[in-house]
Amino acid sequence: MSIRTAPPRRARVLRRVLAVASLVCAAGALVPSVANAHVTVWPRSAARGAFERYVVRVPNERNVPTTRVEIHFPAEVRISSFLEVAGWQLQVLTDSAGKITGAVWTGSLPAKRFIEFPFIGVNPKEGERIVFPATQTYEGGEVVQWSGPEGSKTPASVTTLTERPAAGSAAGSGGSSTSLYVALAALVLGLVSLGLSLRRGPESPA
């Protein structure tokens, strides 16, 4: 009768790394769902003076439909156009000079769903950030003002302004750092799994 030896220390360490990497991936997958629970404007960072494709992302956090979404654009941002969204009516708000100051979308967004309203704007050449206050109205009349400070229960969406990348540099706006962390964790998980699979095999008798 043979007695199998206890797993070597290296194998135990690899298994622990595998468990930690799995937890990191799970946490990374959870972060976007938490961060996206509010009405937000994406990307969360954009280059100064650049044309930008923005998206208003609206999740429905109630058991009744969202019927109206209103957003006000920062005075320093010049809005040029909107993308049509099926099932929703768009009303563009302007001031006395004809400058676009806001937008109102009306339709029906069921519970447990989200929708996105794209638009294009030109960012200011100066400043550190731009703020997009919004209002969400639910069937039955409940209104949520997404216009509070960062860290509040109903914060306004904020986009941070960055330096415009030099010509030819590899840069893209709107990328989420969370996605990068999840990808790195997935890479670690794959490498650890490969290492474990290479070590597997019949164990030598004592």
N, C-alpha and C. Protein backbone atom coordinates (compact mmCIF):
# COMPACT_ATOMS: atom_id res chain seq x y z
N MET A 1 0.85 -1.20 0.00
CA MET A 1 0.00 0.00 0.00
C MET A 1 0.89 1.24 0.00
N SER A 2 0.55 2.19 -0.85
CA SER A 2 1.34 3.42 -0.93
C SER A 2 0.66 4.55 -0.17
N ILE A 3 1.47 5.43 0.35
CA ILE A 3 0.95 6.60 1.08
C ILE A 3 1.28 7.83 0.25
N ARG A 4 0.26 8.60 -0.07
CA ARG A 4 0.48 9.81 -0.87
C ARG A 4 1.03 10.93 0.00
N THR A 5 1.95 11.63 -0.52
CA THR A 5 2.56 12.73 0.24
C THR A 5 1.62 13.94 0.25
N ALA A 6 1.81 14.80 1.23
CA ALA A 6 1.01 16.02 1.31
C ALA A 6 1.39 16.94 0.16
N PRO A 7 0.47 17.75 -0.34
CA PRO A 7 0.79 18.66 -1.45
C PRO A 7 1.97 19.54 -1.08
N PRO A 8 2.89 19.75 -2.01
CA PRO A 8 4.05 20.61 -1.71
C PRO A 8 3.61 22.04 -1.42
N ARG A 9 4.50 22.78 -0.77
CA ARG A 9 4.18 24.14 -0.35
C ARG A 9 3.85 25.02 -1.55
N ARG A 10 4.58 24.84 -2.66
CA ARG A 10 4.34 25.68 -3.84
C ARG A 10 2.92 25.50 -4.38
N ALA A 11 2.44 24.26 -4.39
CA ALA A 11 1.09 24.02 -4.88
C ALA A 11 0.05 24.70 -3.99
N ARG A 12 0.28 24.68 -2.67
CA ARG A 12 -0.66 25.34 -1.76
C ARG A 12 -0.68 26.84 -2.00
N VAL A 13 0.52 27.42 -2.22
CA VAL A 13 0.59 28.86 -2.47
C VAL A 13 -0.14 29.21 -3.77
N LEU A 14 0.05 28.38 -4.80
CA LEU A 14 -0.61 28.65 -6.08
C LEU A 14 -2.12 28.58 -5.94
N ARG A 15 -2.60 27.63 -5.14
CA ARG A 15 -4.05 27.52 -4.95
C ARG A 15 -4.59 28.75 -4.23
N ARG A 16 -3.82 29.28 -3.28
CA ARG A 16 -4.26 30.49 -2.58
C ARG A 16 -4.29 31.69 -3.53
N VAL A 17 -3.28 31.80 -4.39
CA VAL A 17 -3.27 32.89 -5.38
C VAL A 17 -4.48 32.77 -6.31
N LEU A 18 -4.81 31.54 -6.69
CA LEU A 18 -5.96 31.31 -7.55
C LEU A 18 -7.24 31.78 -6.88
N ALA A 19 -7.38 31.49 -5.58
CA ALA A 19 -8.58 31.91 -4.85
C ALA A 19 -8.66 33.43 -4.77
N VAL A 20 -7.51 34.09 -4.51
CA VAL A 20 -7.50 35.55 -4.42
C VAL A 20 -7.84 36.18 -5.77
N ALA A 21 -7.26 35.63 -6.85
CA ALA A 21 -7.55 36.17 -8.18
C ALA A 21 -9.03 36.04 -8.51
N SER A 22 -9.65 34.92 -8.10
CA SER A 22 -11.08 34.74 -8.34
C SER A 22 -11.90 35.79 -7.61
N LEU A 23 -11.50 36.11 -6.37
CA LEU A 23 -12.21 37.14 -5.61
C LEU A 23 -12.05 38.50 -6.26
N VAL A 24 -10.82 38.79 -6.78
CA VAL A 24 -10.60 40.07 -7.45
C VAL A 24 -11.50 40.22 -8.67
N CYS A 25 -11.61 39.13 -9.46
CA CYS A 25 -12.48 39.17 -10.64
C CYS A 25 -13.93 39.40 -10.25
N ALA A 26 -14.37 38.72 -9.19
CA ALA A 26 -15.75 38.88 -8.74
C ALA A 26 -16.01 40.30 -8.28
N ALA A 27 -15.04 40.88 -7.54
CA ALA A 27 -15.20 42.25 -7.07
C ALA A 27 -15.21 43.22 -8.23
N GLY A 28 -14.34 42.99 -9.22
CA GLY A 28 -14.30 43.88 -10.39
C GLY A 28 -15.58 43.85 -11.17
N ALA A 29 -16.21 42.67 -11.26
CA ALA A 29 -17.48 42.56 -11.98
C ALA A 29 -18.59 43.27 -11.22
N LEU A 30 -18.46 43.35 -9.90
CA LEU A 30 -19.50 43.99 -9.10
C LEU A 30 -19.42 45.50 -9.15
N VAL A 31 -18.19 46.07 -9.24
CA VAL A 31 -18.02 47.52 -9.18
C VAL A 31 -18.82 48.26 -10.23
N PRO A 32 -18.81 47.86 -11.54
CA PRO A 32 -19.59 48.62 -12.51
C PRO A 32 -21.07 48.65 -12.21
N SER A 33 -21.64 47.54 -11.69
CA SER A 33 -23.06 47.52 -11.41
C SER A 33 -23.41 48.49 -10.30
N VAL A 34 -22.48 48.66 -9.32
CA VAL A 34 -22.73 49.61 -8.24
C VAL A 34 -22.57 51.04 -8.76
N ALA A 35 -21.49 51.27 -9.52
CA ALA A 35 -21.21 52.62 -10.00
C ALA A 35 -22.28 53.11 -10.97
N ASN A 36 -22.89 52.21 -11.70
CA ASN A 36 -23.87 52.58 -12.72
C ASN A 36 -25.29 52.67 -12.18
N ALA A 37 -25.46 52.64 -10.86
CA ALA A 37 -26.80 52.68 -10.28
C ALA A 37 -27.42 54.07 -10.38
N HIS A 38 -26.64 55.08 -10.78
CA HIS A 38 -27.14 56.45 -10.91
C HIS A 38 -27.20 56.84 -12.38
N VAL A 39 -27.88 57.95 -12.65
CA VAL A 39 -27.83 58.51 -14.00
C VAL A 39 -26.45 59.11 -14.20
N THR A 40 -25.72 58.63 -15.19
CA THR A 40 -24.35 59.07 -15.40
C THR A 40 -24.13 59.44 -16.87
N VAL A 41 -23.13 60.28 -17.09
CA VAL A 41 -22.72 60.66 -18.43
C VAL A 41 -21.32 60.09 -18.67
N TRP A 42 -21.18 59.37 -19.76
CA TRP A 42 -19.90 58.74 -20.10
C TRP A 42 -19.34 59.34 -21.37
N PRO A 43 -18.01 59.49 -21.50
CA PRO A 43 -16.97 59.01 -20.61
C PRO A 43 -16.84 59.86 -19.36
N ARG A 44 -16.17 59.29 -18.35
CA ARG A 44 -15.97 60.00 -17.09
C ARG A 44 -14.73 60.87 -17.13
N SER A 45 -13.93 60.74 -18.18
CA SER A 45 -12.81 61.66 -18.41
C SER A 45 -12.71 61.92 -19.91
N ALA A 46 -12.37 63.15 -20.28
CA ALA A 46 -12.32 63.54 -21.69
C ALA A 46 -11.29 64.65 -21.88
N ALA A 47 -10.79 64.78 -23.10
CA ALA A 47 -9.74 65.75 -23.39
C ALA A 47 -10.31 67.15 -23.56
N ARG A 48 -9.60 68.13 -23.08
CA ARG A 48 -9.99 69.53 -23.25
C ARG A 48 -9.98 69.90 -24.74
N GLY A 49 -10.99 70.65 -25.16
CA GLY A 49 -11.07 71.14 -26.52
C GLY A 49 -11.42 70.12 -27.58
N ALA A 50 -11.73 68.89 -27.18
CA ALA A 50 -11.98 67.82 -28.14
C ALA A 50 -13.46 67.65 -28.43
N PHE A 51 -13.77 67.16 -29.65
CA PHE A 51 -15.12 66.68 -29.94
C PHE A 51 -15.30 65.36 -29.20
N GLU A 52 -16.40 65.21 -28.51
CA GLU A 52 -16.60 64.01 -27.70
C GLU A 52 -17.98 63.41 -27.94
N ARG A 53 -18.03 62.10 -28.05
CA ARG A 53 -19.31 61.39 -28.10
C ARG A 53 -19.67 61.00 -26.68
N TYR A 54 -20.66 61.68 -26.13
CA TYR A 54 -21.11 61.39 -24.77
C TYR A 54 -22.34 60.47 -24.80
N VAL A 55 -22.57 59.79 -23.69
CA VAL A 55 -23.74 58.93 -23.55
C VAL A 55 -24.33 59.13 -22.16
N VAL A 56 -25.62 59.46 -22.12
CA VAL A 56 -26.35 59.53 -20.85
C VAL A 56 -26.87 58.12 -20.55
N ARG A 57 -26.38 57.51 -19.49
CA ARG A 57 -26.79 56.15 -19.14
C ARG A 57 -27.79 56.22 -17.99
N VAL A 58 -28.98 55.66 -18.23
CA VAL A 58 -30.08 55.76 -17.27
C VAL A 58 -30.54 54.36 -16.86
N PRO A 59 -30.28 53.95 -15.63
CA PRO A 59 -30.83 52.68 -15.14
C PRO A 59 -32.16 52.93 -14.44
N ASN A 60 -33.03 51.93 -14.45
CA ASN A 60 -34.30 52.04 -13.73
C ASN A 60 -34.17 51.32 -12.39
N GLU A 61 -34.18 52.08 -11.31
CA GLU A 61 -33.97 51.53 -9.97
C GLU A 61 -35.29 51.29 -9.23
N ARG A 62 -36.41 51.48 -9.91
CA ARG A 62 -37.71 51.30 -9.27
C ARG A 62 -38.46 50.14 -9.92
N ASN A 63 -39.60 49.80 -9.33
CA ASN A 63 -40.44 48.73 -9.88
C ASN A 63 -41.47 49.24 -10.87
N VAL A 64 -41.42 50.54 -11.15
CA VAL A 64 -42.30 51.14 -12.15
C VAL A 64 -41.42 51.76 -13.23
N PRO A 65 -41.95 51.98 -14.43
CA PRO A 65 -41.12 52.50 -15.53
C PRO A 65 -40.62 53.92 -15.29
N THR A 66 -39.45 54.21 -15.84
CA THR A 66 -38.98 55.59 -15.98
C THR A 66 -39.62 56.16 -17.23
N THR A 67 -40.20 57.34 -17.12
CA THR A 67 -40.95 57.92 -18.25
C THR A 67 -40.33 59.20 -18.80
N ARG A 68 -39.39 59.79 -18.06
CA ARG A 68 -38.83 61.07 -18.50
C ARG A 68 -37.41 61.23 -17.96
N VAL A 69 -36.52 61.69 -18.81
CA VAL A 69 -35.15 61.98 -18.40
C VAL A 69 -34.79 63.36 -18.93
N GLU A 70 -34.31 64.22 -18.06
CA GLU A 70 -33.91 65.57 -18.45
C GLU A 70 -32.48 65.82 -18.01
N ILE A 71 -31.69 66.42 -18.88
CA ILE A 71 -30.30 66.74 -18.54
C ILE A 71 -30.01 68.18 -18.93
N HIS A 72 -29.18 68.84 -18.13
CA HIS A 72 -28.76 70.21 -18.44
C HIS A 72 -27.26 70.18 -18.71
N PHE A 73 -26.87 70.81 -19.81
CA PHE A 73 -25.47 70.78 -20.23
C PHE A 73 -24.71 71.96 -19.64
N PRO A 74 -23.45 71.74 -19.26
CA PRO A 74 -22.63 72.85 -18.75
C PRO A 74 -22.51 73.95 -19.80
N ALA A 75 -22.50 75.19 -19.35
CA ALA A 75 -22.47 76.32 -20.28
C ALA A 75 -21.22 76.30 -21.16
N GLU A 76 -20.12 75.74 -20.63
CA GLU A 76 -18.87 75.75 -21.37
C GLU A 76 -18.77 74.64 -22.43
N VAL A 77 -19.75 73.74 -22.47
CA VAL A 77 -19.76 72.66 -23.46
C VAL A 77 -20.69 73.02 -24.61
N ARG A 78 -20.23 72.90 -25.84
CA ARG A 78 -21.06 73.21 -27.01
C ARG A 78 -21.61 71.91 -27.58
N ILE A 79 -22.92 71.72 -27.46
CA ILE A 79 -23.58 70.51 -27.95
C ILE A 79 -23.95 70.70 -29.42
N SER A 80 -23.65 69.67 -30.23
CA SER A 80 -23.89 69.82 -31.67
C SER A 80 -25.00 68.91 -32.20
N SER A 81 -25.13 67.68 -31.68
CA SER A 81 -26.13 66.77 -32.25
C SER A 81 -26.46 65.64 -31.29
N PHE A 82 -27.58 64.95 -31.62
CA PHE A 82 -28.07 63.85 -30.80
C PHE A 82 -28.32 62.64 -31.68
N LEU A 83 -28.25 61.44 -31.08
CA LEU A 83 -28.60 60.21 -31.79
C LEU A 83 -30.03 59.82 -31.44
N GLU A 84 -30.81 59.49 -32.46
CA GLU A 84 -32.19 59.07 -32.22
C GLU A 84 -32.20 57.75 -31.45
N VAL A 85 -33.09 57.65 -30.48
CA VAL A 85 -33.24 56.44 -29.68
C VAL A 85 -34.65 55.92 -29.88
N ALA A 86 -34.77 54.71 -30.37
CA ALA A 86 -36.08 54.14 -30.70
C ALA A 86 -36.98 54.11 -29.47
N GLY A 87 -38.23 54.55 -29.67
CA GLY A 87 -39.22 54.52 -28.60
C GLY A 87 -39.21 55.73 -27.69
N TRP A 88 -38.30 56.66 -27.94
CA TRP A 88 -38.19 57.85 -27.09
C TRP A 88 -38.28 59.12 -27.93
N GLN A 89 -39.00 60.10 -27.40
CA GLN A 89 -39.13 61.41 -28.04
C GLN A 89 -38.12 62.37 -27.43
N LEU A 90 -37.44 63.13 -28.27
CA LEU A 90 -36.42 64.07 -27.81
C LEU A 90 -36.90 65.50 -27.96
N GLN A 91 -36.75 66.28 -26.90
CA GLN A 91 -37.00 67.72 -26.94
C GLN A 91 -35.69 68.42 -26.59
N VAL A 92 -35.19 69.23 -27.50
CA VAL A 92 -33.93 69.95 -27.29
C VAL A 92 -34.24 71.31 -26.67
N LEU A 93 -33.58 71.63 -25.57
CA LEU A 93 -33.78 72.90 -24.88
C LEU A 93 -32.70 73.89 -25.32
N THR A 94 -33.12 75.11 -25.63
CA THR A 94 -32.17 76.15 -26.07
C THR A 94 -32.43 77.45 -25.33
N ASP A 95 -31.42 78.34 -25.35
CA ASP A 95 -31.61 79.66 -24.75
C ASP A 95 -32.05 80.65 -25.84
N SER A 96 -32.13 81.93 -25.49
CA SER A 96 -32.62 82.93 -26.43
C SER A 96 -31.72 83.11 -27.65
N ALA A 97 -30.45 82.70 -27.50
CA ALA A 97 -29.51 82.82 -28.62
C ALA A 97 -29.47 81.55 -29.47
N GLY A 98 -30.26 80.57 -29.10
CA GLY A 98 -30.30 79.33 -29.87
C GLY A 98 -29.28 78.29 -29.43
N LYS A 99 -28.50 78.57 -28.38
CA LYS A 99 -27.51 77.61 -27.88
C LYS A 99 -28.23 76.49 -27.13
N ILE A 100 -27.79 75.24 -27.37
CA ILE A 100 -28.41 74.09 -26.71
C ILE A 100 -27.99 74.06 -25.25
N THR A 101 -28.97 74.06 -24.37
CA THR A 101 -28.70 74.08 -22.93
C THR A 101 -29.13 72.80 -22.22
N GLY A 102 -29.94 71.99 -22.87
CA GLY A 102 -30.41 70.77 -22.23
C GLY A 102 -31.20 69.91 -23.19
N ALA A 103 -31.66 68.78 -22.67
CA ALA A 103 -32.45 67.86 -23.49
C ALA A 103 -33.41 67.09 -22.59
N VAL A 104 -34.56 66.75 -23.16
CA VAL A 104 -35.57 65.97 -22.44
C VAL A 104 -35.97 64.79 -23.31
N TRP A 105 -35.87 63.59 -22.74
CA TRP A 105 -36.32 62.37 -23.43
C TRP A 105 -37.54 61.82 -22.71
N THR A 106 -38.59 61.50 -23.46
CA THR A 106 -39.79 60.91 -22.87
C THR A 106 -40.09 59.58 -23.55
N GLY A 107 -40.45 58.60 -22.76
CA GLY A 107 -40.73 57.26 -23.26
C GLY A 107 -41.08 56.35 -22.10
N SER A 108 -40.69 55.09 -22.18
CA SER A 108 -40.97 54.15 -21.09
C SER A 108 -39.82 53.16 -20.96
N LEU A 109 -39.17 53.20 -19.81
CA LEU A 109 -38.07 52.28 -19.49
C LEU A 109 -38.53 51.34 -18.38
N PRO A 110 -38.73 50.05 -18.67
CA PRO A 110 -39.23 49.11 -17.65
C PRO A 110 -38.25 48.93 -16.50
N ALA A 111 -38.74 48.33 -15.44
CA ALA A 111 -37.89 48.01 -14.29
C ALA A 111 -36.80 47.02 -14.69
N LYS A 112 -35.66 47.10 -14.00
CA LYS A 112 -34.52 46.20 -14.24
C LYS A 112 -33.92 46.37 -15.63
N ARG A 113 -34.08 47.55 -16.21
CA ARG A 113 -33.51 47.83 -17.52
C ARG A 113 -32.73 49.16 -17.45
N PHE A 114 -31.87 49.38 -18.46
CA PHE A 114 -31.23 50.69 -18.58
C PHE A 114 -31.26 51.10 -20.04
N ILE A 115 -31.06 52.38 -20.28
CA ILE A 115 -31.06 52.91 -21.64
C ILE A 115 -29.96 53.96 -21.75
N GLU A 116 -29.50 54.21 -22.97
CA GLU A 116 -28.45 55.19 -23.20
C GLU A 116 -28.88 56.18 -24.28
N PHE A 117 -28.60 57.46 -24.02
CA PHE A 117 -28.93 58.55 -24.94
C PHE A 117 -27.64 59.23 -25.38
N PRO A 118 -27.15 58.95 -26.59
CA PRO A 118 -25.89 59.55 -27.06
C PRO A 118 -26.07 60.97 -27.58
N PHE A 119 -25.02 61.78 -27.42
CA PHE A 119 -24.97 63.11 -28.01
C PHE A 119 -23.51 63.49 -28.23
N ILE A 120 -23.28 64.49 -29.06
CA ILE A 120 -21.92 64.93 -29.37
C ILE A 120 -21.76 66.38 -28.91
N GLY A 121 -20.63 66.64 -28.26
CA GLY A 121 -20.34 67.99 -27.79
C GLY A 121 -18.88 68.32 -27.95
N VAL A 122 -18.56 69.60 -27.85
CA VAL A 122 -17.17 70.07 -27.90
C VAL A 122 -16.79 70.53 -26.50
N ASN A 123 -15.74 69.93 -25.96
CA ASN A 123 -15.32 70.25 -24.60
C ASN A 123 -14.64 71.62 -24.52
N PRO A 124 -14.69 72.24 -23.36
CA PRO A 124 -13.98 73.52 -23.20
C PRO A 124 -12.47 73.30 -23.23
N LYS A 125 -11.73 74.36 -23.56
CA LYS A 125 -10.27 74.26 -23.64
C LYS A 125 -9.61 74.47 -22.28
N GLU A 126 -10.39 74.91 -21.31
CA GLU A 126 -9.87 75.13 -19.97
C GLU A 126 -10.78 74.51 -18.94
N GLY A 127 -10.29 74.37 -17.72
CA GLY A 127 -11.09 73.82 -16.63
C GLY A 127 -10.64 72.43 -16.24
N GLU A 128 -11.13 71.99 -15.09
CA GLU A 128 -10.75 70.69 -14.54
C GLU A 128 -11.84 69.64 -14.69
N ARG A 129 -13.09 70.07 -14.74
CA ARG A 129 -14.18 69.11 -14.86
C ARG A 129 -15.45 69.80 -15.32
N ILE A 130 -16.39 68.99 -15.81
CA ILE A 130 -17.70 69.50 -16.21
C ILE A 130 -18.77 68.65 -15.54
N VAL A 131 -19.86 69.29 -15.14
CA VAL A 131 -20.91 68.63 -14.36
C VAL A 131 -22.19 68.58 -15.17
N PHE A 132 -22.85 67.40 -15.15
CA PHE A 132 -24.08 67.19 -15.90
C PHE A 132 -25.23 66.86 -14.94
N PRO A 133 -25.95 67.85 -14.42
CA PRO A 133 -27.12 67.56 -13.58
C PRO A 133 -28.26 66.98 -14.41
N ALA A 134 -28.97 66.03 -13.84
CA ALA A 134 -30.06 65.37 -14.57
C ALA A 134 -31.24 65.14 -13.64
N THR A 135 -32.40 64.90 -14.26
CA THR A 135 -33.64 64.60 -13.52
C THR A 135 -34.26 63.36 -14.12
N GLN A 136 -34.67 62.43 -13.25
CA GLN A 136 -35.31 61.19 -13.68
C GLN A 136 -36.72 61.13 -13.09
N THR A 137 -37.70 60.94 -13.96
CA THR A 137 -39.10 60.88 -13.52
C THR A 137 -39.66 59.49 -13.76
N TYR A 138 -40.35 58.96 -12.73
CA TYR A 138 -40.93 57.63 -12.82
C TYR A 138 -42.44 57.71 -13.01
N GLU A 139 -43.00 56.62 -13.53
CA GLU A 139 -44.45 56.53 -13.66
C GLU A 139 -45.08 56.67 -12.28
N GLY A 140 -46.06 57.52 -12.15
CA GLY A 140 -46.65 57.79 -10.85
C GLY A 140 -46.24 59.13 -10.29
N GLY A 141 -45.19 59.74 -10.90
CA GLY A 141 -44.84 61.11 -10.51
C GLY A 141 -43.58 61.27 -9.68
N GLU A 142 -42.96 60.18 -9.24
CA GLU A 142 -41.73 60.33 -8.44
C GLU A 142 -40.62 60.94 -9.29
N VAL A 143 -39.94 61.94 -8.72
CA VAL A 143 -38.87 62.63 -9.43
C VAL A 143 -37.59 62.54 -8.60
N VAL A 144 -36.49 62.15 -9.24
CA VAL A 144 -35.18 62.10 -8.57
C VAL A 144 -34.27 63.11 -9.25
N GLN A 145 -33.73 64.03 -8.46
CA GLN A 145 -32.82 65.04 -8.97
C GLN A 145 -31.38 64.55 -8.81
N TRP A 146 -30.75 64.20 -9.93
CA TRP A 146 -29.35 63.78 -9.89
C TRP A 146 -28.48 65.03 -10.05
N SER A 147 -28.41 65.81 -8.98
CA SER A 147 -27.71 67.09 -9.04
C SER A 147 -26.90 67.38 -7.79
N GLY A 148 -26.78 66.39 -6.91
CA GLY A 148 -26.06 66.59 -5.66
C GLY A 148 -24.54 66.51 -5.83
N PRO A 149 -23.81 66.80 -4.76
CA PRO A 149 -22.34 66.73 -4.82
C PRO A 149 -21.86 65.28 -4.84
N GLU A 150 -20.61 65.09 -5.21
CA GLU A 150 -20.03 63.75 -5.23
C GLU A 150 -20.07 63.16 -3.82
N GLY A 151 -20.43 61.88 -3.75
CA GLY A 151 -20.53 61.22 -2.47
C GLY A 151 -21.92 61.25 -1.86
N SER A 152 -22.83 62.05 -2.44
CA SER A 152 -24.20 62.11 -1.93
C SER A 152 -25.01 60.95 -2.51
N LYS A 153 -26.25 60.80 -2.07
CA LYS A 153 -27.11 59.73 -2.55
C LYS A 153 -27.57 59.97 -3.99
N THR A 154 -27.65 61.23 -4.38
CA THR A 154 -28.09 61.56 -5.75
C THR A 154 -27.10 62.52 -6.40
N PRO A 155 -25.88 62.06 -6.69
CA PRO A 155 -24.86 62.96 -7.23
C PRO A 155 -25.08 63.28 -8.70
N ALA A 156 -24.66 64.47 -9.09
CA ALA A 156 -24.62 64.81 -10.51
C ALA A 156 -23.42 64.11 -11.14
N SER A 157 -23.55 63.73 -12.41
CA SER A 157 -22.45 63.08 -13.10
C SER A 157 -21.35 64.11 -13.40
N VAL A 158 -20.11 63.69 -13.20
CA VAL A 158 -18.96 64.57 -13.41
C VAL A 158 -18.00 63.93 -14.40
N THR A 159 -17.56 64.71 -15.38
CA THR A 159 -16.53 64.27 -16.31
C THR A 159 -15.28 65.10 -16.08
N THR A 160 -14.17 64.42 -15.82
CA THR A 160 -12.89 65.10 -15.58
C THR A 160 -12.23 65.45 -16.90
N LEU A 161 -11.72 66.68 -16.99
CA LEU A 161 -11.05 67.13 -18.21
C LEU A 161 -9.55 66.86 -18.10
N THR A 162 -8.97 66.35 -19.17
CA THR A 162 -7.55 66.01 -19.21
C THR A 162 -6.88 66.72 -20.37
N GLU A 163 -5.55 66.65 -20.39
CA GLU A 163 -4.80 67.24 -21.50
C GLU A 163 -5.08 66.46 -22.78
N ARG A 164 -5.17 67.17 -23.88
CA ARG A 164 -5.41 66.52 -25.16
C ARG A 164 -4.17 65.73 -25.56
N PRO A 165 -4.32 64.44 -25.95
CA PRO A 165 -3.14 63.63 -26.30
C PRO A 165 -2.47 64.16 -27.55
N ALA A 166 -1.16 63.99 -27.61
CA ALA A 166 -0.40 64.43 -28.78
C ALA A 166 -0.77 63.58 -29.99
N ALA A 167 -0.62 64.16 -31.18
CA ALA A 167 -0.96 63.46 -32.42
C ALA A 167 -0.15 62.18 -32.53
N GLY A 168 -0.85 61.09 -32.88
CA GLY A 168 -0.18 59.82 -33.06
C GLY A 168 -0.06 59.01 -31.80
N SER A 169 -0.42 59.58 -30.63
CA SER A 169 -0.32 58.81 -29.40
C SER A 169 -1.51 57.89 -29.29
N ALA A 170 -1.30 56.77 -28.63
CA ALA A 170 -2.38 55.79 -28.46
C ALA A 170 -3.15 56.16 -27.23
N ALA A 171 -4.30 56.78 -27.42
CA ALA A 171 -5.14 57.16 -26.29
C ALA A 171 -6.57 57.09 -26.72
N GLY A 172 -7.42 56.72 -25.80
CA GLY A 172 -8.84 56.65 -26.10
C GLY A 172 -9.64 57.17 -24.94
N SER A 173 -10.67 57.92 -25.19
CA SER A 173 -11.48 58.47 -24.12
C SER A 173 -12.59 57.51 -23.76
N GLY A 174 -13.02 57.62 -22.50
CA GLY A 174 -14.17 56.85 -22.06
C GLY A 174 -13.84 55.50 -21.50
N GLY A 175 -12.58 55.09 -21.50
CA GLY A 175 -12.25 53.77 -20.97
C GLY A 175 -12.38 53.77 -19.47
N SER A 176 -12.88 52.70 -18.94
CA SER A 176 -13.03 52.59 -17.49
C SER A 176 -11.83 51.88 -16.90
N SER A 177 -11.22 52.47 -15.81
CA SER A 177 -10.09 51.82 -15.16
C SER A 177 -10.51 50.50 -14.55
N THR A 178 -11.78 50.38 -14.19
CA THR A 178 -12.26 49.11 -13.63
C THR A 178 -12.11 47.99 -14.64
N SER A 179 -12.41 48.27 -15.91
CA SER A 179 -12.27 47.25 -16.94
C SER A 179 -10.83 46.78 -17.05
N LEU A 180 -9.89 47.71 -16.90
CA LEU A 180 -8.47 47.34 -16.96
C LEU A 180 -8.11 46.42 -15.80
N TYR A 181 -8.59 46.76 -14.60
CA TYR A 181 -8.29 45.93 -13.44
C TYR A 181 -8.86 44.53 -13.60
N VAL A 182 -10.08 44.45 -14.11
CA VAL A 182 -10.70 43.14 -14.31
C VAL A 182 -9.92 42.32 -15.32
N ALA A 183 -9.47 42.97 -16.41
CA ALA A 183 -8.71 42.26 -17.42
C ALA A 183 -7.39 41.74 -16.86
N LEU A 184 -6.71 42.57 -16.04
CA LEU A 184 -5.47 42.13 -15.43
C LEU A 184 -5.69 40.96 -14.48
N ALA A 185 -6.78 41.04 -13.71
CA ALA A 185 -7.08 39.95 -12.78
C ALA A 185 -7.38 38.67 -13.54
N ALA A 186 -8.08 38.80 -14.67
CA ALA A 186 -8.39 37.63 -15.48
C ALA A 186 -7.11 37.01 -16.04
N LEU A 187 -6.15 37.88 -16.41
CA LEU A 187 -4.87 37.38 -16.92
C LEU A 187 -4.13 36.59 -15.84
N VAL A 188 -4.11 37.17 -14.63
CA VAL A 188 -3.46 36.47 -13.52
C VAL A 188 -4.13 35.13 -13.26
N LEU A 189 -5.46 35.14 -13.29
CA LEU A 189 -6.21 33.91 -13.06
C LEU A 189 -5.85 32.85 -14.10
N GLY A 190 -5.75 33.27 -15.37
CA GLY A 190 -5.41 32.32 -16.42
C GLY A 190 -4.02 31.75 -16.25
N LEU A 191 -3.05 32.62 -15.89
CA LEU A 191 -1.68 32.14 -15.70
C LEU A 191 -1.57 31.17 -14.53
N VAL A 192 -2.27 31.50 -13.45
CA VAL A 192 -2.23 30.61 -12.28
C VAL A 192 -2.87 29.27 -12.62
N SER A 193 -4.00 29.30 -13.33
CA SER A 193 -4.67 28.06 -13.71
C SER A 193 -3.76 27.21 -14.59
N LEU A 194 -3.03 27.86 -15.51
CA LEU A 194 -2.11 27.13 -16.37
C LEU A 194 -1.01 26.47 -15.55
N GLY A 195 -0.47 27.23 -14.55
CA GLY A 195 0.58 26.67 -13.72
C GLY A 195 0.11 25.45 -12.95
N LEU A 196 -1.12 25.52 -12.43
CA LEU A 196 -1.66 24.39 -11.68
C LEU A 196 -1.87 23.18 -12.57
N SER A 197 -2.38 23.44 -13.79
CA SER A 197 -2.64 22.32 -14.69
C SER A 197 -1.35 21.63 -15.10
N LEU A 198 -0.26 22.38 -15.23
CA LEU A 198 1.03 21.79 -15.60
C LEU A 198 1.61 20.94 -14.48
N ARG A 199 1.26 21.30 -13.25
CA ARG A 199 1.79 20.56 -12.10
C ARG A 199 1.01 19.29 -11.82
N ARG A 200 -0.23 19.20 -12.32
CA ARG A 200 -1.05 18.05 -12.01
C ARG A 200 -0.48 16.80 -12.67
N GLY A 201 -0.71 15.68 -12.05
CA GLY A 201 -0.21 14.42 -12.57
C GLY A 201 -0.17 13.41 -11.46
N PRO A 202 0.11 12.15 -11.73
CA PRO A 202 0.14 11.15 -10.68
C PRO A 202 1.22 11.47 -9.66
N GLU A 203 0.89 11.38 -8.41
CA GLU A 203 1.84 11.67 -7.37
C GLU A 203 2.66 10.44 -7.05
N SER A 204 3.91 10.62 -6.71
CA SER A 204 4.82 9.50 -6.44
C SER A 204 4.52 8.87 -5.10
N PRO A 205 4.60 7.57 -5.00
CA PRO A 205 4.39 6.94 -3.69
C PRO A 205 5.56 7.22 -2.77
N ALA A 206 5.32 7.15 -1.47
CA ALA A 206 6.37 7.41 -0.51
C ALA A 206 7.40 6.29 -0.53
